[in-house]
Amino acid sequence: MDATTPTTDTTTDPAEASFDIVARQDKTEADVALLRSDVDEVKARVERIGRAAARPALAAADETAPEVKGFVQGYLRRGSTAEFKSITGTVPADGGYAVPRQIDAAIARALTDISPIRAIAQVVQTGSAGYRKLVTTGSTASGWVAETAGRPETGTPNFAEIAPPTGELFANPAASQAMLDDAGFDIENWLAAEIATEFARAEGAAFVNGTGVNQPKGFLAAPMSEDFDGDRPFGTLQYIASGDAGGFDANPDAKLIDLVHTLKAGHRQGASFVMNSATLAEVRKLKTADGAFLWQPGLVDGQPDRLLGYPVVEAEDMPDIAADACPIAFGNFRHGYLIAERSATQVLRDPFTNKPFVHFYATKRVGGQVLDSNAIKLLKVEL
């Protein structure tokens, strides 16, 4: 080897090597401690989330939908128009605003409970008062022919137009400003209950006895005849005479059976009796010739009691048993009676007319009329 060639010293100082190992251990321990701190923090957050999920809500108001809170706090209590983002169906011309979906749904449920005709009739939502419906009053004719015989023209069905008379139903409840300012006052339930009660009272009467002038035409206001289906004009209801001017004759079960079977079999699927509680009290006492009660109590909880196998709907607007009255109706009201209504209830807040009270003027357009006169039959008290 050339003496001038440089050499490399590969030896390592033991003290330096030991210092490097200690530094690496310290860094590793610091990283592990930081990681443990992060894990402990994550565990603490998960535990807090679990406790919050198991904790009951502190206030029912927190569960209220934002659009309802805005409507109640902003409009009903203070009359402010800044919270109308969630209100639909605005009518600037008359200053009315549609009730939010939650309040409108509460009104609809209450109406079903109070007005029994609404619960069993056909209900359609319309965008205007000019609702029309076509009904066929006959079927397409047919015939038998030989293979090579001519095919004569057959008859075609006729049509009739149904235009339910419509009226504007209104309610005008009021509350003092002090009551509205009270944070514990449930304005939503109050408004729904007040409007629902008034609307249901008026609707229930109109669907049964309404004249058709600025209100629905009730099914008892339709023309009546003893003629059978096919022999009566369209829109005329058939009635069965009770046989006794004071009520039922000696064989009441026979009259009720006749009433049931004047209805076509297709309509009897889903049919029900309709009468008021006074008439129902008399019907429940009726017996057949062999002493058996016509009334059949429900055999299962939640199932309605039945008369001749059909449910009974109590409608207090039906007339009592009296001469020339029709205290009992039987039919498929889903096929026989049509209710046409606007889909939105309009509410106008009026804090000026009757200070210190705030009025909530609510309106709704509702119409009704007999749809298929073959689907409803009446029992009339007469000889």
Foldseek 3Di string as FASTA:
>chain_A
DDPPDDDDDPDDDVVVVVVVVVVVVVVVVVVVVVVVVVVVVVVVVVVVVVVVVPDDDPDPVVVDDQLQVLCLVAPVQPNHPPSCPQWPDDDVVVQWTFDGPVLLVLLVVLLVVQQVLVVQAAEDADADLFDKDKDWQDQWDDDDDDPPDDDDDTDHTDIDMDRFQKAKFKDKDKDFSVLSPDPPRPPSVVVSVRGSVRVSVVLNLCCAPNPSDRHAHHLVNWAEDCDARPPDPWRYAHEQEQAAQQFHDPANVVSVVVQLVSADPVWNVQKAKEAAPQQVVVQQPDAHPVGHRQWACDPDPPDATGGVRHHYDHRNSQDDRHGFGFRMKMFRNHQWKYKYWHPTKIWHWACDPDPSMIITMIMIMMGMGTHGSSGMYTYHHDD
